[in-house]
Amino acid sequence: MARPVIGIISNRHTINDEYVVHAAGEINVHAVGQVSEAVPMMIPCDPSVVNVDDLMECCDGFLFTGGRANVHPEHYDEPETAAHGDFDHGRDEISLALIRALVERGQPFLGVCRGFQEVNVAMGGSLYPEIRDLPGRDNHRMPPDGTLEEKFALRHEVTFSDGGVFHQLMGARKVLTNTLHGQGIKQPGSRIVIDGHAPDGTPEAIYVEGAPGFTLSVQWHPEWNAANDPVSRPLFEAFGAAVRDWQVARQPRPMLKSA
């Protein structure tokens, strides 16, 4: 049997102010292909050429990646401000509808960074435009200087709920992760379970309560060094197992039970 297909949600970029491309980081492709053991397929974020129904039929699971652009605040009923940064309206239109459809159907997906935030917004939640401006919060943004290894270096602990889904998956209540984001969860969406936090209280790990399939999402970037990192590898392996189950039976693989 052929390997299952995981659709990697891409981001829209403009090169030299005129040439538009849809792209996803190579580390996402490697994490899917090498650790989840699936065929990575990049999905263009253009609603004029792709739709949710077609995507769900041609892919077995989906990776909602990080990205420089943020979810537009109109999707959680807040006005746009300069602090909200850049936007990718095409990705918003595809990703938010796709996440809701996947939750309902039980088809597996993994959310990362912006993808984590998209899952919360798709389920009715809201976001802070800039975590570092909140009292008592740390600066979670990517360091402006240094090598990629330095930018993606492990920077803080994440503590999971005792006996929760992530605790069971990782075999530990505390893990070390990188952090490269500006925004974060303000109000959790309906059925969103926050299962892990950074030391400053920032939500870092979530899933959708009562969803029939795999819905784990994280605020950090597990795709970096996914084959070797002891936190990233089990996450992508579990995602791959869920996607293979979907490919075979077209039925969801239940997540680990929460405490």
C-alpha atoms as a PDB file:
ATOM      1  CA  MET A   1       0.000   0.000   0.000  1.00  0.00           C
ATOM      2  CA  ALA A   2       1.199   3.501  -0.811  1.00  0.00           C
ATOM      3  CA  ARG A   3       2.034   5.793   2.055  1.00  0.00           C
ATOM      4  CA  PRO A   4      -0.741   8.120   3.237  1.00  0.00           C
ATOM      5  CA  VAL A   5      -0.782  11.734   2.070  1.00  0.00           C
ATOM      6  CA  ILE A   6      -0.496  14.649   4.482  1.00  0.00           C
ATOM      7  CA  GLY A   7      -1.471  18.036   3.103  1.00  0.00           C
ATOM      8  CA  ILE A   8       0.859  20.777   4.322  1.00  0.00           C
ATOM      9  CA  ILE A   9      -0.930  24.104   4.447  1.00  0.00           C
ATOM     10  CA  SER A  10       1.331  26.659   2.764  1.00  0.00           C
ATOM     11  CA  ASN A  11       1.762  30.405   3.100  1.00  0.00           C
ATOM     12  CA  ARG A  12       1.441  33.031   0.365  1.00  0.00           C
ATOM     13  CA  HIS A  13       4.534  35.145  -0.286  1.00  0.00           C
ATOM     14  CA  THR A  14       5.475  37.793  -2.828  1.00  0.00           C
ATOM     15  CA  ILE A  15       9.005  37.721  -4.245  1.00  0.00           C
ATOM     16  CA  ASN A  16      10.540  40.957  -5.531  1.00  0.00           C
ATOM     17  CA  ASP A  17       7.224  42.738  -4.951  1.00  0.00           C
ATOM     18  CA  GLU A  18       5.576  41.059  -7.926  1.00  0.00           C
ATOM     19  CA  TYR A  19       5.914  37.260  -8.102  1.00  0.00           C
ATOM     20  CA  VAL A  20       3.484  35.366  -5.849  1.00  0.00           C
ATOM     21  CA  VAL A  21       4.396  31.922  -4.499  1.00  0.00           C
ATOM     22  CA  HIS A  22       2.797  29.463  -2.088  1.00  0.00           C
ATOM     23  CA  ALA A  23       5.414  27.789   0.072  1.00  0.00           C
ATOM     24  CA  ALA A  24       6.043  25.679   3.168  1.00  0.00           C
ATOM     25  CA  GLY A  25       9.297  25.197   5.045  1.00  0.00           C
ATOM     26  CA  GLU A  26      11.481  22.254   4.110  1.00  0.00           C
ATOM     27  CA  ILE A  27      11.609  21.177   7.769  1.00  0.00           C
ATOM     28  CA  ASN A  28       7.836  20.609   7.624  1.00  0.00           C
ATOM     29  CA  VAL A  29       8.290  18.397   4.567  1.00  0.00           C
ATOM     30  CA  HIS A  30      11.030  16.390   6.281  1.00  0.00           C
ATOM     31  CA  ALA A  31       9.047  15.961   9.505  1.00  0.00           C
ATOM     32  CA  VAL A  32       6.058  14.603   7.572  1.00  0.00           C
ATOM     33  CA  GLY A  33       8.076  12.429   5.207  1.00  0.00           C
ATOM     34  CA  GLN A  34      10.666  11.068   7.595  1.00  0.00           C
ATOM     35  CA  VAL A  35       8.928  10.919  10.988  1.00  0.00           C
ATOM     36  CA  SER A  36       5.212  10.675  10.190  1.00  0.00           C
ATOM     37  CA  GLU A  37       6.190   8.421   7.262  1.00  0.00           C
ATOM     38  CA  ALA A  38       3.716  10.014   4.872  1.00  0.00           C
ATOM     39  CA  VAL A  39       3.862  11.701   1.484  1.00  0.00           C
ATOM     40  CA  PRO A  40       4.008  15.484   2.015  1.00  0.00           C
ATOM     41  CA  MET A  41       1.784  17.480  -0.343  1.00  0.00           C
ATOM     42  CA  MET A  42       1.904  21.261  -0.206  1.00  0.00           C
ATOM     43  CA  ILE A  43      -1.526  22.910  -0.386  1.00  0.00           C
ATOM     44  CA  PRO A  44      -1.786  26.364  -1.992  1.00  0.00           C
ATOM     45  CA  CYS A  45      -3.800  28.828   0.053  1.00  0.00           C
ATOM     46  CA  ASP A  46      -5.927  30.099  -2.813  1.00  0.00           C
ATOM     47  CA  PRO A  47      -9.694  29.591  -2.442  1.00  0.00           C
ATOM     48  CA  SER A  48     -10.147  30.158  -6.183  1.00  0.00           C
ATOM     49  CA  VAL A  49      -8.387  26.869  -7.000  1.00  0.00           C
ATOM     50  CA  VAL A  50      -8.902  24.600  -3.961  1.00  0.00           C
ATOM     51  CA  ASN A  51     -11.850  23.858  -1.699  1.00  0.00           C
ATOM     52  CA  VAL A  52     -12.329  22.010   1.574  1.00  0.00           C
ATOM     53  CA  ASP A  53     -14.233  19.022   0.175  1.00  0.00           C
ATOM     54  CA  ASP A  54     -11.623  18.281  -2.487  1.00  0.00           C
ATOM     55  CA  LEU A  55      -8.761  18.633  -0.011  1.00  0.00           C
ATOM     56  CA  MET A  56     -10.345  16.214   2.448  1.00  0.00           C
ATOM     57  CA  GLU A  57     -10.703  13.597  -0.269  1.00  0.00           C
ATOM     58  CA  CYS A  58      -7.194  13.844  -1.720  1.00  0.00           C
ATOM     59  CA  CYS A  59      -5.355  13.979   1.620  1.00  0.00           C
ATOM     60  CA  ASP A  60      -5.497  11.633   4.597  1.00  0.00           C
ATOM     61  CA  GLY A  61      -4.395  14.234   7.142  1.00  0.00           C
ATOM     62  CA  PHE A  62      -3.215  17.834   7.361  1.00  0.00           C
ATOM     63  CA  LEU A  63      -0.386  19.810   8.912  1.00  0.00           C
ATOM     64  CA  PHE A  64      -1.301  23.425   9.668  1.00  0.00           C
ATOM     65  CA  THR A  65       2.107  25.093   9.677  1.00  0.00           C
ATOM     66  CA  GLY A  66       3.506  28.240  11.176  1.00  0.00           C
ATOM     67  CA  GLY A  67       3.773  31.410   9.106  1.00  0.00           C
ATOM     68  CA  ARG A  68       4.717  35.066   9.286  1.00  0.00           C
ATOM     69  CA  ALA A  69       1.173  36.280   8.562  1.00  0.00           C
ATOM     70  CA  ASN A  70      -1.394  36.157  11.373  1.00  0.00           C
ATOM     71  CA  VAL A  71      -5.067  35.198  11.476  1.00  0.00           C
ATOM     72  CA  HIS A  72      -7.089  38.321  10.746  1.00  0.00           C
ATOM     73  CA  PRO A  73      -8.889  39.517  13.927  1.00  0.00           C
ATOM     74  CA  GLU A  74     -12.190  39.818  12.034  1.00  0.00           C
ATOM     75  CA  HIS A  75     -12.437  36.051  12.527  1.00  0.00           C
ATOM     76  CA  TYR A  76     -12.742  36.564  16.286  1.00  0.00           C
ATOM     77  CA  ASP A  77     -14.707  39.813  16.168  1.00  0.00           C
ATOM     78  CA  GLU A  78     -11.930  42.232  17.046  1.00  0.00           C
ATOM     79  CA  PRO A  79     -10.735  45.277  15.066  1.00  0.00           C
ATOM     80  CA  GLU A  80      -7.498  45.196  13.105  1.00  0.00           C
ATOM     81  CA  THR A  81      -4.578  47.085  14.663  1.00  0.00           C
ATOM     82  CA  ALA A  82      -0.928  47.571  13.740  1.00  0.00           C
ATOM     83  CA  ALA A  83      -0.007  45.051  16.445  1.00  0.00           C
ATOM     84  CA  HIS A  84      -1.806  42.287  14.524  1.00  0.00           C
ATOM     85  CA  GLY A  85       0.883  42.373  11.808  1.00  0.00           C
ATOM     86  CA  ASP A  86       0.546  40.972   8.300  1.00  0.00           C
ATOM     87  CA  PHE A  87      -2.318  38.804   7.060  1.00  0.00           C
ATOM     88  CA  ASP A  88      -2.970  35.986   4.609  1.00  0.00           C
ATOM     89  CA  HIS A  89      -6.692  36.129   3.861  1.00  0.00           C
ATOM     90  CA  GLY A  90      -6.616  33.156   1.504  1.00  0.00           C
ATOM     91  CA  ARG A  91      -5.095  30.956   4.173  1.00  0.00           C
ATOM     92  CA  ASP A  92      -7.652  32.168   6.712  1.00  0.00           C
ATOM     93  CA  GLU A  93     -10.509  31.236   4.402  1.00  0.00           C
ATOM     94  CA  ILE A  94      -9.195  27.748   3.678  1.00  0.00           C
ATOM     95  CA  SER A  95      -7.701  26.795   7.031  1.00  0.00           C
ATOM     96  CA  LEU A  96     -10.503  27.853   9.358  1.00  0.00           C
ATOM     97  CA  ALA A  97     -13.205  26.089   7.344  1.00  0.00           C
ATOM     98  CA  LEU A  98     -11.000  23.032   6.851  1.00  0.00           C
ATOM     99  CA  ILE A  99     -10.250  22.697  10.567  1.00  0.00           C
ATOM    100  CA  ARG A 100     -13.940  22.777  11.467  1.00  0.00           C
ATOM    101  CA  ALA A 101     -14.722  20.159   8.818  1.00  0.00           C
ATOM    102  CA  LEU A 102     -11.875  17.908   9.966  1.00  0.00           C
ATOM    103  CA  VAL A 103     -13.011  18.096  13.600  1.00  0.00           C
ATOM    104  CA  GLU A 104     -16.528  17.098  12.600  1.00  0.00           C
ATOM    105  CA  ARG A 105     -15.383  14.259  10.341  1.00  0.00           C
ATOM    106  CA  GLY A 106     -12.678  12.940  12.642  1.00  0.00           C
ATOM    107  CA  GLN A 107      -9.943  13.289  10.030  1.00  0.00           C
ATOM    108  CA  PRO A 108      -6.513  13.839  11.649  1.00  0.00           C
ATOM    109  CA  PHE A 109      -4.597  17.086  11.724  1.00  0.00           C
ATOM    110  CA  LEU A 110      -1.674  18.634  13.590  1.00  0.00           C
ATOM    111  CA  GLY A 111      -1.464  22.374  14.257  1.00  0.00           C
ATOM    112  CA  VAL A 112       1.868  24.184  14.708  1.00  0.00           C
ATOM    113  CA  CYS A 113       2.386  27.806  15.824  1.00  0.00           C
ATOM    114  CA  ARG A 114       0.044  29.792  13.517  1.00  0.00           C
ATOM    115  CA  GLY A 115      -1.746  26.475  12.920  1.00  0.00           C
ATOM    116  CA  PHE A 116      -2.227  26.140  16.692  1.00  0.00           C
ATOM    117  CA  GLN A 117      -3.765  29.610  16.721  1.00  0.00           C
ATOM    118  CA  GLU A 118      -5.954  28.776  13.717  1.00  0.00           C
ATOM    119  CA  VAL A 119      -7.405  25.780  15.552  1.00  0.00           C
ATOM    120  CA  ASN A 120      -8.380  28.000  18.472  1.00  0.00           C
ATOM    121  CA  VAL A 121      -9.949  30.645  16.217  1.00  0.00           C
ATOM    122  CA  ALA A 122     -11.749  28.022  14.094  1.00  0.00           C
ATOM    123  CA  MET A 123     -13.416  26.775  17.281  1.00  0.00           C
ATOM    124  CA  GLY A 124     -14.540  30.274  18.276  1.00  0.00           C
ATOM    125  CA  GLY A 125     -11.562  31.465  20.322  1.00  0.00           C
ATOM    126  CA  SER A 126      -9.548  34.679  20.178  1.00  0.00           C
ATOM    127  CA  LEU A 127      -5.879  35.732  20.173  1.00  0.00           C
ATOM    128  CA  TYR A 128      -3.647  38.300  21.811  1.00  0.00           C
ATOM    129  CA  PRO A 129      -1.836  40.280  19.079  1.00  0.00           C
ATOM    130  CA  GLU A 130       1.425  40.476  21.031  1.00  0.00           C
ATOM    131  CA  ILE A 131       2.208  38.215  23.990  1.00  0.00           C
ATOM    132  CA  ARG A 132       5.310  40.151  25.080  1.00  0.00           C
ATOM    133  CA  ASP A 133       3.199  43.270  25.777  1.00  0.00           C
ATOM    134  CA  LEU A 134       1.141  41.502  28.459  1.00  0.00           C
ATOM    135  CA  PRO A 135       2.086  41.965  32.134  1.00  0.00           C
ATOM    136  CA  GLY A 136       4.124  39.054  33.421  1.00  0.00           C
ATOM    137  CA  ARG A 137       4.596  37.437  30.014  1.00  0.00           C
ATOM    138  CA  ASP A 138       7.908  36.639  28.354  1.00  0.00           C
ATOM    139  CA  ASN A 139       9.044  37.505  24.845  1.00  0.00           C
ATOM    140  CA  HIS A 140       8.266  34.359  22.823  1.00  0.00           C
ATOM    141  CA  ARG A 141       9.362  35.778  19.478  1.00  0.00           C
ATOM    142  CA  MET A 142      12.149  34.372  17.325  1.00  0.00           C
ATOM    143  CA  PRO A 143      15.513  35.897  18.280  1.00  0.00           C
ATOM    144  CA  PRO A 144      16.358  38.523  15.634  1.00  0.00           C
ATOM    145  CA  ASP A 145      19.962  37.401  15.246  1.00  0.00           C
ATOM    146  CA  GLY A 146      21.925  34.183  15.143  1.00  0.00           C
ATOM    147  CA  THR A 147      21.988  30.976  13.125  1.00  0.00           C
ATOM    148  CA  LEU A 148      18.909  28.850  12.504  1.00  0.00           C
ATOM    149  CA  GLU A 149      20.157  26.479  15.185  1.00  0.00           C
ATOM    150  CA  GLU A 150      20.281  29.363  17.655  1.00  0.00           C
ATOM    151  CA  LYS A 151      16.848  30.678  16.651  1.00  0.00           C
ATOM    152  CA  PHE A 152      15.234  27.237  17.009  1.00  0.00           C
ATOM    153  CA  ALA A 153      17.122  26.374  20.203  1.00  0.00           C
ATOM    154  CA  LEU A 154      15.182  25.062  23.216  1.00  0.00           C
ATOM    155  CA  ARG A 155      14.205  28.081  25.318  1.00  0.00           C
ATOM    156  CA  HIS A 156      11.581  27.193  27.907  1.00  0.00           C
ATOM    157  CA  GLU A 157       9.709  24.367  29.593  1.00  0.00           C
ATOM    158  CA  VAL A 158       6.152  23.358  28.812  1.00  0.00           C
ATOM    159  CA  THR A 159       4.213  21.739  31.649  1.00  0.00           C
ATOM    160  CA  PHE A 160       1.392  19.368  30.690  1.00  0.00           C
ATOM    161  CA  SER A 161      -1.718  18.494  32.675  1.00  0.00           C
ATOM    162  CA  ASP A 162      -1.103  15.549  34.977  1.00  0.00           C
ATOM    163  CA  GLY A 163      -2.310  12.409  33.179  1.00  0.00           C
ATOM    164  CA  GLY A 164      -3.472  14.445  30.185  1.00  0.00           C
ATOM    165  CA  VAL A 165      -3.166  13.618  26.512  1.00  0.00           C
ATOM    166  CA  PHE A 166       0.259  15.238  26.046  1.00  0.00           C
ATOM    167  CA  HIS A 167       1.595  13.822  29.320  1.00  0.00           C
ATOM    168  CA  GLN A 168       0.683  10.333  28.146  1.00  0.00           C
ATOM    169  CA  LEU A 169       2.124  10.898  24.686  1.00  0.00           C
ATOM    170  CA  MET A 170       5.431  12.349  25.877  1.00  0.00           C
ATOM    171  CA  GLY A 171       5.830  10.211  28.983  1.00  0.00           C
ATOM    172  CA  ALA A 172       6.727  13.354  30.935  1.00  0.00           C
ATOM    173  CA  ARG A 173       4.890  16.256  32.500  1.00  0.00           C
ATOM    174  CA  LYS A 174       7.610  18.792  31.631  1.00  0.00           C
ATOM    175  CA  VAL A 175       9.476  19.110  28.348  1.00  0.00           C
ATOM    176  CA  LEU A 176      11.803  21.663  26.762  1.00  0.00           C
ATOM    177  CA  THR A 177      10.713  23.419  23.577  1.00  0.00           C
ATOM    178  CA  ASN A 178      11.701  26.232  21.256  1.00  0.00           C
ATOM    179  CA  THR A 179       9.549  29.350  20.973  1.00  0.00           C
ATOM    180  CA  LEU A 180       9.142  31.564  17.894  1.00  0.00           C
ATOM    181  CA  HIS A 181       5.763  33.295  18.062  1.00  0.00           C
ATOM    182  CA  GLY A 182       4.340  36.712  18.786  1.00  0.00           C
ATOM    183  CA  GLN A 183       0.644  35.949  19.245  1.00  0.00           C
ATOM    184  CA  GLY A 184      -1.123  33.496  21.523  1.00  0.00           C
ATOM    185  CA  ILE A 185      -4.452  32.302  22.854  1.00  0.00           C
ATOM    186  CA  LYS A 186      -6.565  34.930  24.607  1.00  0.00           C
ATOM    187  CA  GLN A 187      -9.918  33.168  24.966  1.00  0.00           C
ATOM    188  CA  PRO A 188     -10.016  29.423  24.313  1.00  0.00           C
ATOM    189  CA  GLY A 189     -12.524  28.358  21.686  1.00  0.00           C
ATOM    190  CA  SER A 190     -15.439  26.036  22.325  1.00  0.00           C
ATOM    191  CA  ARG A 191     -14.174  22.539  23.204  1.00  0.00           C
ATOM    192  CA  ILE A 192     -10.537  23.680  23.185  1.00  0.00           C
ATOM    193  CA  VAL A 193      -8.660  22.004  26.031  1.00  0.00           C
ATOM    194  CA  ILE A 194      -5.436  23.737  27.036  1.00  0.00           C
ATOM    195  CA  ASP A 195      -3.244  20.811  28.049  1.00  0.00           C
ATOM    196  CA  GLY A 196       0.121  22.553  28.429  1.00  0.00           C
ATOM    197  CA  HIS A 197       1.512  25.946  29.466  1.00  0.00           C
ATOM    198  CA  ALA A 198       4.801  27.843  29.350  1.00  0.00           C
ATOM    199  CA  PRO A 199       6.210  29.081  32.693  1.00  0.00           C
ATOM    200  CA  ASP A 200       4.593  32.510  32.140  1.00  0.00           C
ATOM    201  CA  GLY A 201       1.143  30.937  31.659  1.00  0.00           C
ATOM    202  CA  THR A 202       1.054  31.108  27.867  1.00  0.00           C
ATOM    203  CA  PRO A 203      -0.968  28.177  26.409  1.00  0.00           C
ATOM    204  CA  GLU A 204       1.336  25.825  24.496  1.00  0.00           C
ATOM    205  CA  ALA A 205      -0.558  22.561  23.854  1.00  0.00           C
ATOM    206  CA  ILE A 206      -4.229  22.026  22.988  1.00  0.00           C
ATOM    207  CA  TYR A 207      -6.698  19.533  21.573  1.00  0.00           C
ATOM    208  CA  VAL A 208     -10.418  19.580  20.734  1.00  0.00           C
ATOM    209  CA  GLU A 209     -12.499  17.927  23.424  1.00  0.00           C
ATOM    210  CA  GLY A 210     -14.855  15.232  22.153  1.00  0.00           C
ATOM    211  CA  ALA A 211     -13.408  15.242  18.633  1.00  0.00           C
ATOM    212  CA  PRO A 212     -13.409  11.718  17.169  1.00  0.00           C
ATOM    213  CA  GLY A 213      -9.940  12.079  15.632  1.00  0.00           C
ATOM    214  CA  PHE A 214      -6.422  13.411  16.206  1.00  0.00           C
ATOM    215  CA  THR A 215      -6.500  17.176  16.876  1.00  0.00           C
ATOM    216  CA  LEU A 216      -3.276  17.851  18.797  1.00  0.00           C
ATOM    217  CA  SER A 217      -1.760  21.289  18.256  1.00  0.00           C
ATOM    218  CA  VAL A 218       1.265  23.047  19.761  1.00  0.00           C
ATOM    219  CA  GLN A 219       2.452  26.635  19.937  1.00  0.00           C
ATOM    220  CA  TRP A 220       6.131  25.749  19.480  1.00  0.00           C
ATOM    221  CA  HIS A 221       7.827  24.423  16.306  1.00  0.00           C
ATOM    222  CA  PRO A 222       8.268  20.628  16.610  1.00  0.00           C
ATOM    223  CA  GLU A 223       9.160  20.302  12.928  1.00  0.00           C
ATOM    224  CA  TRP A 224      12.670  21.556  13.749  1.00  0.00           C
ATOM    225  CA  ASN A 225      14.937  18.526  14.232  1.00  0.00           C
ATOM    226  CA  ALA A 226      11.825  16.353  14.385  1.00  0.00           C
ATOM    227  CA  ALA A 227      13.652  13.103  13.711  1.00  0.00           C
ATOM    228  CA  ASN A 228      15.947  13.515  16.718  1.00  0.00           C
ATOM    229  CA  ASP A 229      14.172  15.706  19.250  1.00  0.00           C
ATOM    230  CA  PRO A 230      12.580  13.612  22.063  1.00  0.00           C
ATOM    231  CA  VAL A 231       9.530  15.898  22.170  1.00  0.00           C
ATOM    232  CA  SER A 232       9.008  16.363  18.430  1.00  0.00           C
ATOM    233  CA  ARG A 233       9.452  12.764  17.360  1.00  0.00           C
ATOM    234  CA  PRO A 234       6.603  11.182  19.398  1.00  0.00           C
ATOM    235  CA  LEU A 235       4.258  13.962  18.276  1.00  0.00           C
ATOM    236  CA  PHE A 236       4.913  13.401  14.561  1.00  0.00           C
ATOM    237  CA  GLU A 237       4.940   9.620  15.028  1.00  0.00           C
ATOM    238  CA  ALA A 238       1.528   9.679  16.708  1.00  0.00           C
ATOM    239  CA  PHE A 239       0.227  11.959  13.953  1.00  0.00           C
ATOM    240  CA  GLY A 240       1.543   9.551  11.316  1.00  0.00           C
ATOM    241  CA  ALA A 241      -0.128   6.582  13.033  1.00  0.00           C
ATOM    242  CA  ALA A 242      -3.453   8.439  13.073  1.00  0.00           C
ATOM    243  CA  VAL A 243      -3.121   9.306   9.387  1.00  0.00           C
ATOM    244  CA  ARG A 244      -2.328   5.702   8.439  1.00  0.00           C
ATOM    245  CA  ASP A 245      -5.385   4.512  10.324  1.00  0.00           C
ATOM    246  CA  TRP A 246      -7.503   7.024   8.428  1.00  0.00           C
ATOM    247  CA  GLN A 247      -6.032   5.901   5.108  1.00  0.00           C
ATOM    248  CA  VAL A 248      -6.933   2.259   5.792  1.00  0.00           C
ATOM    249  CA  ALA A 249     -10.361   2.552   7.381  1.00  0.00           C
ATOM    250  CA  ARG A 250     -11.489   6.126   6.631  1.00  0.00           C
ATOM    251  CA  GLN A 251     -12.322   6.153  10.299  1.00  0.00           C
ATOM    252  CA  PRO A 252     -10.719   8.306  13.004  1.00  0.00           C
ATOM    253  CA  ARG A 253      -8.084   7.009  15.387  1.00  0.00           C
ATOM    254  CA  PRO A 254      -9.097   8.091  18.910  1.00  0.00           C
ATOM    255  CA  MET A 255      -6.580  10.210  20.748  1.00  0.00           C
ATOM    256  CA  LEU A 256      -5.210   9.108  24.095  1.00  0.00           C
ATOM    257  CA  LYS A 257      -7.760   9.619  26.824  1.00  0.00           C
ATOM    258  CA  SER A 258      -7.389  12.634  29.044  1.00  0.00           C
ATOM    259  CA  ALA A 259      -7.299  12.211  32.802  1.00  0.00           C
END
